[in-house]
Protein backbone atom coordinates (compact mmCIF):
# COMPACT_ATOMS: atom_id res chain seq x y z
CA MET A 1 -0.24 -0.01 -0.16
CA ARG A 2 2.76 2.38 0.93
CA LYS A 3 4.48 1.37 -2.23
CA ASP A 4 1.39 2.31 -4.34
CA PHE A 5 1.08 5.58 -2.61
CA SER A 6 4.84 6.36 -3.19
CA SER A 7 4.25 5.56 -6.89
CA ILE A 8 1.43 7.90 -7.17
CA TRP A 9 3.25 10.82 -5.61
CA LEU A 10 6.25 10.01 -7.97
CA SER A 11 3.88 10.11 -10.91
CA ILE A 12 2.34 13.42 -9.87
CA TYR A 13 5.59 15.06 -9.59
CA LEU A 14 6.98 13.65 -12.89
CA SER A 15 3.97 14.97 -14.52
CA PHE A 16 4.23 18.25 -13.10
CA TYR A 17 7.81 18.43 -13.95
CA SER A 18 7.35 17.45 -17.63
CA CYS A 19 4.55 20.15 -17.91
CA PHE A 20 6.97 22.84 -16.42
CA LEU A 21 9.76 21.64 -18.81
CA CYS A 22 7.28 21.79 -21.89
CA SER A 23 5.82 25.26 -20.91
CA THR A 24 9.37 26.40 -20.45
CA LEU A 25 10.40 24.84 -23.95
CA ILE A 26 7.48 26.47 -25.47
CA SER A 27 8.05 29.84 -23.96
CA ASN A 28 11.67 30.12 -25.23
CA THR A 29 10.59 28.92 -28.55
CA CYS A 30 7.66 31.62 -28.79
CA ASN A 31 10.32 34.26 -27.65
CA ALA A 32 12.76 33.25 -30.30
CA SER A 33 9.96 33.52 -33.01
CA GLU A 34 8.82 36.74 -31.80
CA LYS A 35 12.43 38.27 -31.97
CA ILE A 36 12.24 41.97 -32.49
CA HIS A 37 13.61 43.13 -36.19
CA THR A 38 15.49 45.98 -37.05
CA ILE A 39 14.41 48.30 -40.00
CA SER A 40 16.87 48.08 -42.75
CA SER A 41 14.97 50.44 -45.09
CA ILE A 42 11.83 52.31 -45.74
CA HIS A 43 10.53 52.89 -49.45
CA PHE A 44 8.06 55.13 -50.66
CA SER A 45 6.21 54.65 -54.16
CA GLY A 46 3.38 56.66 -56.22
CA ASN A 47 4.67 59.89 -55.01
CA ALA A 48 4.97 61.76 -58.10
CA ILE A 49 4.52 65.37 -56.42
CA THR A 50 4.81 64.86 -52.98
CA ARG A 51 8.43 65.02 -51.65
CA VAL A 52 9.95 62.01 -49.69
CA SER A 53 10.71 64.46 -46.62
CA VAL A 54 6.90 65.26 -46.11
CA LEU A 55 6.15 61.56 -46.18
CA ARG A 56 8.97 60.52 -43.68
CA SER A 57 7.72 63.50 -41.43
CA GLU A 58 4.41 61.44 -40.60
CA MET A 59 6.28 58.43 -40.05
CA LEU A 60 6.64 56.99 -36.48
CA LEU A 61 9.58 54.64 -37.65
CA THR A 62 12.52 55.01 -39.19
CA GLU A 63 15.68 52.86 -40.57
CA GLY A 64 17.72 51.37 -37.77
CA GLN A 65 14.69 51.13 -35.26
CA PRO A 66 13.14 48.13 -34.16
CA PHE A 67 10.04 47.51 -36.02
CA ASP A 68 6.65 48.14 -33.93
CA ALA A 69 3.53 46.89 -35.88
CA GLU A 70 1.31 49.61 -33.94
CA LYS A 71 3.56 52.43 -34.88
CA PHE A 72 3.55 51.12 -38.38
CA GLU A 73 -0.38 51.18 -38.78
CA GLN A 74 -0.39 54.76 -36.96
CA SER A 75 2.08 55.97 -39.42
CA LEU A 76 0.00 54.99 -42.38
CA GLN A 77 -3.01 56.49 -40.63
CA ASN A 78 -0.96 59.62 -40.21
CA LEU A 79 -0.41 59.73 -43.99
CA ARG A 80 -4.18 59.30 -44.75
CA ASN A 81 -4.93 62.15 -42.39
CA LEU A 82 -3.06 64.47 -44.67
CA ARG A 83 -6.06 64.26 -46.96
CA ILE A 84 -4.14 64.63 -49.96
CA PHE A 85 -4.05 60.73 -50.92
CA ARG A 86 -6.44 58.84 -52.62
CA SER A 87 -5.22 55.59 -50.94
CA VAL A 88 -2.21 54.64 -48.43
CA SER A 89 -0.92 50.96 -48.01
CA GLY A 90 2.10 49.46 -46.56
CA GLU A 91 3.99 46.14 -46.83
CA VAL A 92 6.52 44.63 -44.38
CA SER A 93 9.06 42.05 -45.81
CA SER A 94 11.86 40.05 -44.28
CA THR A 95 15.39 40.37 -45.42
CA PRO A 96 18.20 37.71 -45.36
CA ASN A 97 20.02 39.40 -42.94
CA ASP A 98 17.20 39.08 -40.35
CA THR A 99 15.83 42.65 -40.70
CA VAL A 100 12.90 43.98 -42.40
CA HIS A 101 11.89 46.24 -45.18
CA ILE A 102 8.89 48.66 -45.45
CA ASN A 103 7.10 49.68 -48.71
CA VAL A 104 4.64 52.46 -48.56
CA THR A 105 2.36 52.92 -51.49
CA ILE A 106 0.39 56.00 -51.98
CA GLN A 107 -1.99 57.29 -54.55
CA GLU A 108 -2.08 61.12 -54.57
CA LYS A 109 -5.09 63.20 -55.47
CA GLN A 110 -5.47 66.25 -57.38
CA THR A 111 -4.54 69.28 -54.82
CA LEU A 112 -4.94 72.41 -56.80
CA LEU A 113 -8.82 73.25 -56.48
CA PRO A 114 -11.28 75.75 -57.08
CA PHE A 115 -12.85 77.11 -54.04
CA PHE A 116 -16.31 78.87 -53.92
CA ARG A 117 -18.94 79.72 -51.30
CA ALA A 118 -22.34 81.59 -51.77
CA LYS A 119 -24.52 82.98 -48.91
CA GLN A 120 -27.39 84.93 -48.71
CA GLY A 121 -29.38 86.19 -45.63
CA GLY A 122 -29.99 89.31 -43.79
CA GLY A 123 -30.42 91.30 -46.73
CA SER A 124 -26.92 90.80 -48.15
CA THR A 125 -25.12 88.42 -50.64
CA LEU A 126 -21.82 87.12 -50.03
CA LEU A 127 -19.87 85.62 -52.82
CA VAL A 128 -16.21 83.95 -52.07
CA LEU A 129 -14.14 82.48 -54.96
CA GLY A 130 -10.56 81.17 -54.82
CA ILE A 131 -8.28 78.59 -56.10
CA GLY A 132 -5.68 77.01 -53.86
CA ASP A 133 -3.05 74.12 -53.51
CA LEU A 134 -3.22 71.82 -50.67
CA ASN A 135 0.25 70.24 -51.37
CA THR A 136 2.32 73.21 -52.95
CA LEU A 137 5.28 72.43 -54.31
CA GLY A 138 4.91 68.82 -53.05
CA LYS A 139 5.93 70.07 -49.45
CA GLY A 140 2.68 69.68 -47.80
CA PHE A 141 2.08 73.23 -47.57
CA GLU A 142 -1.33 74.68 -48.05
CA LEU A 143 -1.77 77.94 -49.83
CA LEU A 144 -5.51 79.22 -50.49
CA PRO A 145 -5.91 82.77 -51.92
CA MET A 146 -9.63 83.99 -52.19
CA TYR A 147 -11.48 87.15 -53.73
CA GLU A 148 -14.67 88.07 -51.97
CA ASN A 149 -17.60 90.40 -52.96
CA LEU A 150 -20.35 91.64 -50.63
CA ASN A 151 -23.67 92.93 -52.32
CA GLY A 152 -21.89 93.35 -55.66
CA LYS A 153 -20.34 96.63 -53.90
CA TYR A 154 -17.56 95.78 -51.51
CA HIS A 155 -14.44 93.90 -52.55
CA GLY A 156 -12.25 92.14 -50.38
CA GLY A 157 -9.75 88.90 -50.04
CA ARG A 158 -7.97 86.69 -47.86
CA LEU A 159 -4.89 84.29 -47.84
CA ASP A 160 -4.64 81.27 -45.76
CA THR A 161 -1.70 79.10 -45.32
CA HIS A 162 -1.22 75.80 -43.44
CA ILE A 163 2.57 74.75 -42.74
CA PRO A 164 3.23 71.31 -41.18
CA HIS A 165 6.32 70.16 -39.38
CA ILE A 166 8.26 73.57 -38.82
CA SER A 167 12.00 72.71 -39.14
CA ASN A 168 11.18 68.99 -38.88
CA SER A 169 9.50 69.22 -35.78
CA GLN A 170 5.73 68.46 -34.65
CA LEU A 171 4.88 71.94 -34.59
CA THR A 172 2.38 73.25 -37.23
CA LEU A 173 1.57 76.64 -38.06
CA ASP A 174 -1.59 78.29 -39.65
CA GLY A 175 -1.62 82.05 -41.02
CA SER A 176 -4.01 84.03 -42.68
CA VAL A 177 -4.03 87.91 -43.97
CA ALA A 178 -7.54 89.14 -44.86
CA ASN A 179 -9.21 92.49 -45.96
CA GLU A 180 -12.94 91.33 -45.85
CA ALA A 181 -16.57 93.25 -45.64
CA ARG A 182 -19.33 91.65 -43.67
CA SER A 183 -22.96 92.86 -43.52
CA HIS A 184 -24.70 92.54 -40.20
CA CYS A 185 -28.23 92.94 -39.27
CA LEU A 186 -29.33 93.38 -35.62
CA TYR A 187 -32.61 91.91 -34.86
CA SER A 188 -35.21 93.05 -31.89
CA ALA A 189 -37.06 90.54 -29.78
CA THR A 190 -39.95 90.49 -31.95
CA GLY A 191 -37.38 89.61 -35.19
CA GLY A 192 -37.51 93.12 -36.86
CA SER A 193 -34.47 94.84 -37.91
CA ALA A 194 -33.07 96.88 -35.35
CA GLY A 195 -29.89 98.31 -37.37
CA THR A 196 -27.76 97.22 -40.20
CA PHE A 197 -24.13 98.13 -40.83
CA VAL A 198 -21.09 96.80 -42.85
CA GLU A 199 -18.15 95.96 -41.01
CA ARG A 200 -14.73 96.53 -42.93
CA THR A 201 -11.85 94.21 -41.38
CA SER A 202 -8.06 93.88 -42.04
CA ALA A 203 -6.61 91.12 -40.06
CA LEU A 204 -3.37 89.29 -39.45
CA LYS A 205 -3.69 85.73 -37.56
CA ILE A 206 -0.95 83.34 -36.77
CA ALA A 207 -2.06 80.01 -35.05
CA ALA A 208 -0.09 77.05 -33.70
CA GLU A 209 -0.53 73.40 -32.71
CA TYR A 210 2.03 71.24 -30.84
CA PRO A 211 1.19 67.55 -29.97
CA LEU A 212 2.25 66.66 -26.22
CA ASN A 213 1.61 62.97 -27.08
CA ASN A 214 -0.80 60.83 -28.98
CA SER A 215 -3.81 62.28 -27.60
CA PHE A 216 -3.27 65.83 -26.22
CA ASP A 217 -2.07 69.07 -28.31
CA ILE A 218 -1.45 72.32 -27.05
CA LEU A 219 -2.97 75.28 -29.31
CA GLY A 220 -2.19 79.10 -29.46
CA ALA A 221 -3.12 81.97 -31.50
CA ASN A 222 -2.60 85.67 -31.96
CA SER A 223 -4.73 88.22 -34.10
CA LEU A 224 -4.56 91.86 -34.82
CA LEU A 225 -7.34 93.43 -36.46
CA GLN A 226 -8.60 96.74 -37.58
CA THR A 227 -12.29 97.24 -38.08
CA LYS A 228 -14.46 100.14 -39.25
CA MET A 229 -18.18 100.39 -39.68
CA GLU A 230 -19.81 101.66 -42.90
CA ASN A 231 -23.46 102.06 -44.24
CA ILE A 232 -25.00 102.27 -40.66
CA GLU A 233 -28.73 102.36 -40.51
CA LYS A 234 -30.99 102.45 -37.70
CA THR A 235 -28.23 102.14 -35.03
CA THR A 236 -25.76 104.29 -33.44
CA LEU A 237 -22.04 102.94 -33.94
CA ASN A 238 -18.70 104.35 -33.85
CA THR A 239 -17.56 104.66 -37.69
CA ASN A 240 -13.94 105.45 -36.69
CA ALA A 241 -11.30 102.79 -37.29
CA ARG A 242 -10.66 100.61 -34.04
CA ILE A 243 -7.66 98.25 -33.73
CA GLN A 244 -8.25 95.11 -31.41
CA LEU A 245 -5.39 92.40 -30.34
CA SER A 246 -6.61 89.05 -29.24
CA SER A 247 -4.59 85.92 -27.89
CA SER A 248 -5.62 82.78 -27.21
CA ILE A 249 -4.60 79.17 -25.74
CA GLY A 250 -5.98 75.95 -25.63
CA ILE A 251 -5.73 72.11 -25.33
CA GLY A 252 -7.26 69.61 -27.61
CA TYR A 253 -7.68 66.09 -26.94
CA GLY A 254 -8.36 63.04 -29.30
CA HIS A 255 -8.15 62.33 -32.88
CA ILE A 256 -10.39 62.13 -35.92
CA ASN A 257 -8.90 59.79 -38.51
CA TYR A 258 -9.64 60.08 -42.14
CA ASN A 259 -9.89 57.22 -44.72
CA ASP A 260 -10.30 59.06 -47.88
CA TYR A 261 -13.53 60.99 -47.65
CA ARG A 262 -14.94 59.13 -44.57
CA LEU A 263 -14.19 59.95 -40.97
CA GLU A 264 -14.03 58.37 -37.60
CA GLY A 265 -13.18 59.19 -34.09
CA SER A 266 -13.55 62.09 -31.67
CA ARG A 267 -11.98 65.21 -30.69
CA ILE A 268 -12.50 68.03 -27.81
CA THR A 269 -10.81 71.17 -28.13
CA LEU A 270 -11.19 73.95 -25.19
CA ARG A 271 -9.87 77.42 -25.98
CA PHE A 272 -9.56 80.70 -23.72
CA GLU A 273 -9.20 84.03 -25.52
CA ASN A 274 -8.36 87.39 -24.49
CA ILE A 275 -9.58 90.29 -26.53
CA LYS A 276 -8.13 93.85 -26.11
CA PRO A 277 -9.86 96.53 -28.07
CA GLU A 278 -8.28 99.94 -28.56
CA ASN A 279 -9.10 102.52 -25.76
CA SER A 280 -11.37 99.83 -24.22
CA ASN A 281 -11.42 97.31 -21.49
CA SER A 282 -10.46 93.62 -22.29
CA SER A 283 -12.96 90.83 -22.50
CA GLN A 284 -12.37 87.10 -22.31
CA ASN A 285 -14.10 84.17 -23.71
CA MET A 286 -13.97 80.47 -23.55
CA GLN A 287 -15.20 77.98 -26.44
CA LEU A 288 -15.77 74.32 -25.86
CA GLU A 289 -16.10 72.36 -29.03
CA THR A 290 -16.74 68.57 -29.73
CA LYS A 291 -16.68 66.48 -33.09
CA SER A 292 -17.43 62.74 -33.28
CA PHE A 293 -17.80 60.70 -36.11
CA TRP A 294 -19.05 57.15 -36.28
CA GLN A 295 -19.43 54.48 -39.15
CA PRO A 296 -22.01 52.04 -37.41
CA PHE A 297 -22.89 50.17 -40.76
CA SER A 298 -21.36 49.79 -44.05
CA GLY A 299 -21.77 53.23 -46.24
CA VAL A 300 -23.48 54.92 -43.11
CA ASP A 301 -21.73 57.84 -41.26
CA ILE A 302 -22.94 59.64 -37.97
CA ALA A 303 -21.77 62.97 -37.44
CA LEU A 304 -22.36 65.16 -34.11
CA LYS A 305 -20.65 68.50 -33.43
CA THR A 306 -21.31 70.68 -30.53
CA SER A 307 -20.14 74.30 -29.35
CA PHE A 308 -20.31 76.39 -26.43
CA PHE A 309 -19.17 79.79 -26.05
CA PHE A 310 -19.03 82.12 -23.01
CA ILE A 311 -18.08 85.88 -23.12
CA THR A 312 -17.55 88.03 -20.05
CA ASN A 313 -19.66 91.05 -19.75
CA ASN A 314 -16.99 93.42 -20.89
CA ALA A 315 -17.34 92.19 -24.24
CA SER A 316 -19.02 94.83 -26.95
CA LEU A 317 -21.94 93.71 -28.97
CA LEU A 318 -19.57 93.04 -32.05
CA ASN A 319 -17.55 90.73 -30.09
CA ASN A 320 -20.69 88.54 -28.97
CA CYS A 321 -21.05 85.06 -30.24
CA SER A 322 -23.84 84.42 -32.92
CA ILE A 323 -25.86 81.42 -34.11
CA GLY A 324 -27.83 81.15 -37.62
CA GLY A 325 -26.54 80.42 -40.64
CA PHE A 326 -24.86 77.47 -42.72
CA GLY A 327 -22.03 76.59 -40.34
CA GLU A 328 -24.20 76.75 -37.11
CA VAL A 329 -28.09 76.54 -37.09
CA ARG A 330 -29.40 76.25 -40.66
CA GLY A 331 -32.58 77.55 -41.88
CA PHE A 332 -32.18 80.89 -39.97
CA LEU A 333 -30.55 84.13 -41.18
CA ASP A 334 -26.62 84.44 -40.52
CA GLU A 335 -26.10 85.87 -37.13
CA ARG A 336 -29.76 85.84 -36.27
CA TYR A 337 -29.25 85.36 -32.53
CA ARG A 338 -26.47 86.97 -30.76
CA GLY A 339 -25.51 86.93 -27.27
CA THR A 340 -22.69 86.39 -24.59
CA THR A 341 -23.67 83.04 -23.91
CA CYS A 342 -24.26 80.62 -26.93
CA TRP A 343 -24.41 76.83 -27.73
CA PHE A 344 -25.43 75.05 -30.66
CA ALA A 345 -25.25 71.40 -31.95
CA ASN A 346 -25.36 69.49 -35.26
CA ALA A 347 -26.27 66.09 -36.05
CA GLU A 348 -26.23 64.41 -39.36
CA PHE A 349 -27.06 60.87 -40.68
CA ARG A 350 -25.03 60.28 -44.00
CA LYS A 351 -25.67 57.38 -46.28
CA ILE A 352 -23.71 56.61 -49.71
CA ALA A 353 -26.29 56.43 -52.37
CA TYR A 354 -23.91 55.81 -55.08
CA SER A 355 -20.20 55.42 -55.46
CA HIS A 356 -18.23 55.86 -58.50
CA PRO A 357 -14.30 56.14 -58.88
CA TRP A 358 -14.79 59.68 -59.87
CA TYR A 359 -17.70 60.91 -57.63
CA VAL A 360 -19.67 59.92 -54.58
CA LEU A 361 -23.31 60.81 -54.02
CA GLN A 362 -24.15 60.94 -50.18
CA PRO A 363 -27.52 62.25 -49.22
CA THR A 364 -27.72 63.54 -45.78
CA VAL A 365 -30.51 64.51 -43.09
CA PHE A 366 -29.58 66.61 -40.04
CA ALA A 367 -31.13 68.56 -36.89
CA ASP A 368 -29.50 71.50 -35.70
CA ALA A 369 -30.37 73.35 -32.33
CA GLY A 370 -28.83 76.23 -30.20
CA ARG A 371 -29.63 78.95 -27.72
CA ALA A 372 -28.12 82.55 -27.50
CA THR A 373 -28.50 84.95 -24.49
CA THR A 374 -27.26 88.29 -23.44
CA ASN A 375 -26.60 90.08 -20.29
CA ALA A 376 -28.48 92.92 -18.95
CA SER A 377 -26.25 95.57 -20.40
CA GLN A 378 -27.80 94.61 -23.92
CA LYS A 379 -31.25 94.13 -22.73
CA ALA A 380 -32.54 95.65 -26.21
CA PHE A 381 -31.18 92.38 -27.74
CA GLN A 382 -32.05 89.89 -25.31
CA TRP A 383 -33.54 86.89 -27.21
CA GLN A 384 -34.31 83.93 -25.17
CA LYS A 385 -35.28 81.80 -27.94
CA ASP A 386 -34.19 78.45 -28.66
CA PRO A 387 -33.63 78.17 -32.70
CA ALA A 388 -33.99 74.60 -33.90
CA SER A 389 -34.33 73.12 -37.61
CA VAL A 390 -34.21 69.89 -39.43
CA GLY A 391 -33.57 69.32 -43.26
CA GLY A 392 -31.66 67.27 -45.69
CA GLY A 393 -29.41 67.69 -48.40
CA VAL A 394 -26.60 66.03 -50.48
CA ARG A 395 -22.79 66.00 -50.53
CA VAL A 396 -21.16 65.33 -53.74
CA ILE A 397 -17.77 64.01 -53.16
CA PHE A 398 -14.86 63.86 -55.59
CA PRO A 399 -12.13 61.10 -54.25
CA TYR A 400 -9.49 62.12 -56.68
CA LEU A 401 -9.70 65.89 -55.62
CA ALA A 402 -8.45 66.32 -52.26
CA ARG A 403 -10.90 67.87 -49.84
CA LEU A 404 -13.48 69.02 -52.44
CA ILE A 405 -17.18 68.55 -51.38
CA LEU A 406 -20.03 70.07 -53.03
CA ARG A 407 -22.93 70.62 -50.65
CA MET A 408 -26.56 71.81 -50.84
CA ASP A 409 -28.65 72.07 -47.82
CA LEU A 410 -32.26 72.93 -47.28
CA GLY A 411 -32.90 73.85 -43.67
CA VAL A 412 -36.54 74.12 -42.37
CA PRO A 413 -36.87 76.21 -39.11
CA MET A 414 -38.92 74.21 -36.39
CA SER A 415 -39.05 76.72 -33.81
CA PRO A 416 -40.74 80.24 -34.57
CA SER A 417 -39.04 81.98 -37.18
CA GLU A 418 -39.68 84.92 -39.48
CA THR A 419 -37.71 83.16 -42.51
CA ALA A 420 -38.67 80.54 -44.84
CA PRO A 421 -36.97 77.38 -45.52
CA SER A 422 -33.47 78.34 -46.87
CA ILE A 423 -30.85 76.85 -48.99
CA SER A 424 -27.38 76.81 -48.36
CA LEU A 425 -24.65 75.75 -51.12
CA GLY A 426 -21.03 75.54 -50.82
CA SER A 427 -17.64 73.48 -51.87
CA THR A 428 -16.38 73.05 -48.23
CA GLN A 429 -17.70 70.91 -45.42
CA PHE A 430 -18.20 73.00 -42.28
CA PHE A 431 -17.84 69.80 -40.15
């Protein structure tokens, strides 16, 4: 009996030892098979215009580094997020000397494109025309000059630039120079006109963005403006030219990834701005903005945007936030509601109805809502309304043309409004 008991324990001991030995051998074998390979070379193909330095600046890997599959996939996504390529793909192959070779293949889009936008409302018509290059000289620089005409009388223009990876760093700069005219209409609480004027603005703005890590970005901007009021009716405003300096700082969290013309991901941005008008007190404002995109089903996109503004009591009426129009609450006149505290939200359902290699038709339905309130010092313009609208439209996307999206929307006011359903037309997507 004792002999049998000893045999049993010996068998159990040998079984556990065998299992341990096997697991050790398997672990060593796995570790050997999972050996980290060094990158011997990275090659790019398909870039007839785009310079290799632009492509390398988006890569998180370089020669001599250990290969990392996660960084490799993120590098390909970084290239897609430039939005100047029709497609981006990558291939990793082994070499005889136990290293790996990376080949990245891209298909470029046409980046020299026209730009236009037409807006009508509040008794004015604004036409914007331009032509720009989103990959100037193949260096990834954006250069967009535009001509503007207001009511066939006021002429202006602007030049926008975008320069990524300053001095081979992660710093990105945006700049703009503008001389513009905008027609404004102030509305009373009953919806009638409380005054109209034309604002002429000369502006210089520089903005910067620097990533802290894969999720957070630091944002900063400075702008210098000179404004002058003209053609004033029914209201008393200072017609003398006025200089205004503003500075802002903020932080961004999250990423929105682009796969050709489709988007996925979320991003939230928080900004604080200080505005110092000439011979006047400073005012401060805060802006919180979120954007989210989902692809729940094949060919279906859901988009959501929310914005919240808060401005201190020192702000003048012209520095107040406003809602209404193509970029905010569609179906209402531009700047229909103005206040020191504003919020608005846009929700869209987009479905690809027809896809062709050269163009894509994407019908949309949307719902917009917002609110603008003012402080007691601007009691005459205190609208405690909640504008809301629904509507539909169509986006015409050109896959081989970088960022060119023709869009037409019909917005129908759902809350009390003095305006009929309105149509907005443009060549850019506001979100």
